[in-house]
N, C-alpha and C. Protein backbone atom coordinates (compact mmCIF):
# COMPACT_ATOMS: atom_id res chain seq x y z
N UNK A 1 -34.20 -21.09 4.02
CA UNK A 1 -33.33 -20.26 3.60
C UNK A 1 -31.91 -20.08 4.42
N UNK A 2 -30.74 -20.55 3.82
CA UNK A 2 -29.64 -20.82 4.59
C UNK A 2 -28.74 -18.87 4.91
N UNK A 3 -28.54 -18.88 6.26
CA UNK A 3 -27.72 -17.36 6.20
C UNK A 3 -26.22 -17.80 5.38
N UNK A 4 -25.86 -16.28 5.09
CA UNK A 4 -24.59 -16.42 4.28
C UNK A 4 -23.77 -15.33 4.41
N UNK A 5 -22.57 -15.54 4.83
CA UNK A 5 -21.58 -14.84 5.30
C UNK A 5 -20.93 -14.18 4.14
N UNK A 6 -21.01 -12.82 3.85
CA UNK A 6 -20.63 -12.32 2.55
C UNK A 6 -19.61 -11.24 2.82
N UNK A 7 -18.37 -11.04 1.93
CA UNK A 7 -17.48 -10.15 2.07
C UNK A 7 -17.40 -9.29 1.11
N UNK A 8 -17.27 -8.08 1.18
CA UNK A 8 -17.66 -6.85 0.03
C UNK A 8 -16.10 -6.42 -0.08
N UNK A 9 -14.96 -6.56 -1.25
CA UNK A 9 -14.11 -5.95 -0.92
C UNK A 9 -14.07 -4.68 -2.22
N UNK A 10 -13.65 -3.06 -1.86
CA UNK A 10 -13.67 -2.33 -2.44
C UNK A 10 -12.16 -1.79 -2.59
N UNK A 11 -11.89 -1.19 -3.32
CA UNK A 11 -10.44 -0.56 -3.56
C UNK A 11 -10.43 -0.42 -5.50
N UNK A 12 -9.77 0.80 -5.51
CA UNK A 12 -9.05 1.44 -6.64
C UNK A 12 -7.82 0.69 -6.86
N UNK A 13 -7.46 0.73 -8.62
CA UNK A 13 -6.16 0.02 -9.00
C UNK A 13 -5.95 1.30 -10.21
N UNK A 14 -5.28 2.05 -10.00
CA UNK A 14 -4.58 2.84 -11.32
C UNK A 14 -3.58 2.22 -12.12
N UNK A 15 -3.94 2.20 -13.17
CA UNK A 15 -3.10 1.95 -13.46
C UNK A 15 -2.46 2.83 -15.10
N UNK A 16 -1.32 2.81 -16.02
CA UNK A 16 -1.22 3.88 -17.02
C UNK A 16 -0.24 2.76 -18.27
N UNK A 17 -0.87 2.68 -19.64
CA UNK A 17 0.20 2.29 -20.43
C UNK A 17 1.08 2.82 -20.92
N UNK A 18 1.94 3.39 -20.13
CA UNK A 18 3.18 3.99 -20.74
C UNK A 18 3.74 3.87 -22.05
N UNK A 19 3.16 3.01 -22.70
CA UNK A 19 3.02 2.49 -24.43
C UNK A 19 2.38 3.45 -24.88
N UNK A 20 1.30 3.84 -24.70
CA UNK A 20 0.47 5.06 -24.86
C UNK A 20 -0.05 6.16 -24.98
N UNK A 21 1.18 6.16 -23.82
CA UNK A 21 1.00 7.92 -23.47
C UNK A 21 1.98 8.58 -23.97
N UNK A 22 1.88 10.08 -23.79
CA UNK A 22 2.88 10.58 -24.20
C UNK A 22 3.63 11.20 -23.36
N UNK A 23 5.31 10.90 -23.37
CA UNK A 23 6.13 11.27 -22.24
C UNK A 23 5.82 12.67 -21.77
N UNK A 24 5.44 13.61 -22.29
CA UNK A 24 4.89 15.01 -21.91
C UNK A 24 4.17 14.83 -20.87
N UNK A 25 3.22 14.16 -20.77
CA UNK A 25 2.14 13.68 -20.14
C UNK A 25 2.28 12.93 -19.15
N UNK A 26 3.36 12.09 -18.68
CA UNK A 26 3.81 10.88 -17.68
C UNK A 26 5.27 11.25 -17.35
N UNK A 27 4.77 11.64 -16.03
CA UNK A 27 6.71 11.88 -15.68
C UNK A 27 7.29 10.50 -15.50
N UNK A 28 8.58 10.93 -15.76
CA UNK A 28 9.32 9.58 -15.87
C UNK A 28 9.60 8.75 -14.39
N UNK A 29 8.93 8.50 -13.97
CA UNK A 29 9.14 7.69 -12.90
C UNK A 29 8.98 5.99 -12.65
N UNK A 30 9.28 5.65 -13.76
CA UNK A 30 9.04 3.82 -14.22
C UNK A 30 10.19 3.23 -13.05
N UNK A 31 10.71 3.63 -12.28
CA UNK A 31 11.95 3.47 -11.51
C UNK A 31 11.75 2.91 -10.26
N UNK A 32 10.09 2.91 -10.09
CA UNK A 32 9.72 2.35 -8.76
C UNK A 32 9.35 0.93 -8.55
N UNK A 33 10.08 0.88 -7.96
CA UNK A 33 10.04 -1.15 -7.41
C UNK A 33 9.04 -1.43 -6.43
N UNK A 34 7.81 -1.96 -6.70
CA UNK A 34 6.48 -2.68 -5.98
C UNK A 34 7.18 -3.89 -5.06
N UNK A 35 6.88 -4.07 -3.96
CA UNK A 35 6.79 -5.05 -3.17
C UNK A 35 5.68 -4.93 -1.69
N UNK A 36 5.82 -5.76 -1.02
CA UNK A 36 4.93 -6.28 0.16
C UNK A 36 6.18 -5.90 1.15
N UNK A 37 5.70 -5.00 2.50
CA UNK A 37 6.70 -5.24 3.32
C UNK A 37 6.15 -5.44 4.81
N UNK A 38 6.82 -5.60 5.57
CA UNK A 38 6.87 -5.67 6.88
C UNK A 38 7.33 -4.85 8.09
N UNK A 39 7.11 -5.30 8.97
CA UNK A 39 7.72 -4.67 10.34
C UNK A 39 9.07 -4.02 10.22
N UNK A 40 9.93 -4.74 9.54
CA UNK A 40 10.98 -4.44 8.98
C UNK A 40 11.42 -2.96 8.00
N UNK A 41 10.49 -2.75 7.64
CA UNK A 41 10.34 -1.46 6.85
C UNK A 41 9.62 -0.37 7.68
N UNK A 42 9.63 -0.74 8.91
CA UNK A 42 8.24 1.05 9.84
C UNK A 42 9.10 1.76 9.48
N UNK A 43 10.71 2.24 9.58
CA UNK A 43 11.11 3.47 9.67
C UNK A 43 10.78 4.32 8.33
N UNK A 44 10.95 3.59 7.05
CA UNK A 44 11.00 4.71 6.10
C UNK A 44 9.15 4.40 5.55
N UNK A 45 8.60 3.42 5.99
CA UNK A 45 7.00 4.08 5.87
C UNK A 45 6.65 4.80 6.93
N UNK A 46 6.81 4.42 7.94
CA UNK A 46 6.63 5.83 8.78
C UNK A 46 7.29 6.99 8.22
N UNK A 47 8.05 7.56 7.84
CA UNK A 47 8.61 8.65 7.02
C UNK A 47 7.37 8.76 6.16
N UNK A 48 7.18 8.05 5.37
CA UNK A 48 6.05 8.32 4.33
C UNK A 48 4.79 8.59 4.57
N UNK A 49 4.02 8.26 5.61
CA UNK A 49 2.75 8.23 6.01
C UNK A 49 2.81 9.83 7.37
N UNK A 50 4.17 10.21 7.45
CA UNK A 50 4.04 11.19 8.37
C UNK A 50 3.79 11.17 9.66
N UNK A 51 4.09 9.60 10.33
CA UNK A 51 3.93 9.39 11.05
C UNK A 51 5.18 9.71 12.44
N UNK A 52 5.33 10.05 13.65
CA UNK A 52 6.57 10.07 14.44
C UNK A 52 7.19 9.21 15.03
N UNK A 53 6.03 8.38 15.26
CA UNK A 53 6.16 6.85 16.01
C UNK A 53 5.53 6.12 15.18
N UNK A 54 6.37 4.81 15.26
CA UNK A 54 5.52 3.52 14.41
C UNK A 54 4.15 2.85 15.13
N UNK A 55 4.02 3.29 16.24
CA UNK A 55 2.82 2.42 17.04
C UNK A 55 1.58 1.88 15.80
N UNK A 56 1.18 2.90 15.46
CA UNK A 56 0.26 2.26 14.30
C UNK A 56 0.34 1.28 13.52
N UNK A 57 1.70 1.35 12.93
CA UNK A 57 2.06 0.63 12.09
C UNK A 57 2.17 -0.91 12.56
N UNK A 58 3.05 -0.95 13.22
CA UNK A 58 3.26 -2.46 14.38
C UNK A 58 1.93 -2.64 14.40
N UNK A 59 0.99 -1.98 15.15
CA UNK A 59 -0.45 -2.82 15.65
C UNK A 59 -1.07 -3.46 14.26
N UNK A 60 -0.74 -2.59 13.17
CA UNK A 60 -1.74 -3.42 12.04
C UNK A 60 -0.99 -4.26 11.70
N UNK A 61 0.53 -4.22 11.68
CA UNK A 61 1.22 -5.39 11.08
C UNK A 61 1.03 -6.80 12.32
N UNK A 62 0.76 -6.46 13.53
CA UNK A 62 0.28 -7.41 14.35
C UNK A 62 -1.14 -8.04 14.16
N UNK A 63 -1.81 -7.29 13.22
CA UNK A 63 -3.07 -7.67 13.01
C UNK A 63 -3.40 -8.65 12.06
N UNK A 64 -2.56 -8.49 11.07
CA UNK A 64 -2.08 -9.29 10.07
C UNK A 64 -2.70 -8.63 8.86
N UNK A 65 -2.65 -7.18 8.97
CA UNK A 65 -2.86 -6.53 8.04
C UNK A 65 -1.14 -6.50 6.72
N UNK A 66 -1.28 -6.39 5.84
CA UNK A 66 -0.56 -6.43 4.51
C UNK A 66 -0.25 -4.96 4.13
N UNK A 67 1.10 -4.99 3.89
CA UNK A 67 1.11 -3.34 3.50
C UNK A 67 2.40 -3.65 2.31
N UNK A 68 1.99 -3.11 1.08
CA UNK A 68 2.36 -3.12 -0.10
C UNK A 68 3.41 -1.36 -0.70
N UNK A 69 4.43 -1.05 -1.05
CA UNK A 69 4.76 0.19 -1.16
C UNK A 69 5.42 0.12 -2.81
N UNK A 70 5.81 1.34 -2.69
CA UNK A 70 6.15 1.70 -4.26
C UNK A 70 7.55 2.51 -3.47
N UNK A 71 8.81 1.56 -3.74
CA UNK A 71 10.47 2.22 -3.38
C UNK A 71 10.85 2.83 -4.68
N UNK A 72 11.31 3.56 -4.41
CA UNK A 72 12.48 4.35 -5.43
C UNK A 72 13.52 4.67 -4.64
N UNK A 73 14.49 4.09 -5.10
CA UNK A 73 15.81 3.75 -3.92
C UNK A 73 15.26 3.54 -2.60
N UNK A 74 15.72 3.71 -1.84
CA UNK A 74 15.52 3.82 -0.43
C UNK A 74 14.26 4.62 0.23
N UNK A 75 13.81 5.24 -0.87
CA UNK A 75 12.48 6.17 -0.48
C UNK A 75 11.24 5.69 -0.59
N UNK A 76 10.29 5.38 0.38
CA UNK A 76 8.70 4.66 0.13
C UNK A 76 7.65 6.03 -0.79
N UNK A 77 7.69 5.82 -1.86
CA UNK A 77 6.98 7.24 -2.34
C UNK A 77 5.03 6.82 -2.78
N UNK A 78 4.96 5.35 -2.35
CA UNK A 78 3.50 5.35 -2.39
C UNK A 78 3.51 3.80 -1.35
N UNK A 79 1.95 3.91 -0.90
CA UNK A 79 2.03 2.31 0.08
C UNK A 79 0.34 2.46 0.04
N UNK A 80 0.02 0.91 0.36
CA UNK A 80 -1.36 0.74 0.18
C UNK A 80 -1.44 -0.56 1.13
N UNK A 81 -2.42 -0.35 2.15
CA UNK A 81 -2.76 -1.92 2.61
C UNK A 81 -3.82 -2.08 2.49
N UNK A 82 -3.81 -3.89 2.87
CA UNK A 82 -4.70 -4.46 2.35
C UNK A 82 -5.00 -5.39 3.58
N UNK A 83 -6.50 -5.49 3.98
CA UNK A 83 -6.60 -6.24 5.10
C UNK A 83 -8.02 -6.96 4.61
N UNK A 84 -8.34 -8.25 5.60
CA UNK A 84 -8.91 -9.12 5.47
C UNK A 84 -10.62 -8.49 5.90
N UNK A 85 -11.26 -9.23 4.85
CA UNK A 85 -13.03 -9.17 5.24
C UNK A 85 -13.19 -9.00 6.55
N UNK A 86 -13.88 -7.67 7.26
CA UNK A 86 -14.13 -7.67 8.87
C UNK A 86 -13.46 -6.78 8.93
N UNK A 87 -12.12 -6.44 8.51
CA UNK A 87 -10.97 -5.55 9.43
C UNK A 87 -11.35 -4.16 9.15
N UNK A 88 -10.25 -3.72 9.57
CA UNK A 88 -10.40 -2.10 9.10
C UNK A 88 -9.12 -1.31 9.68
N UNK A 89 -8.42 -0.56 8.77
CA UNK A 89 -7.08 -0.21 8.63
C UNK A 89 -7.36 1.70 9.37
N UNK A 90 -8.68 2.24 9.17
CA UNK A 90 -8.63 3.49 9.57
C UNK A 90 -8.17 4.65 9.05
């Protein structure tokens, strides 16, 4: 029997069908733009995460961890981190 390395991915994907939901139930936040970001976005991302200094963000980026954010204008309103199997965001 051969040994195999396995990677397990876990996560949650939230989605909403705006065409089927009453506007009274869903706030109008469709103006959020999603994109992958890097070190250049450390200032707004640090604010969104409540960090006073971006050291933790820079360590994550240097380790190859990817970050995706939702922008509303110049403000980060949501974020998520994606790391390789075996990695840990913390």
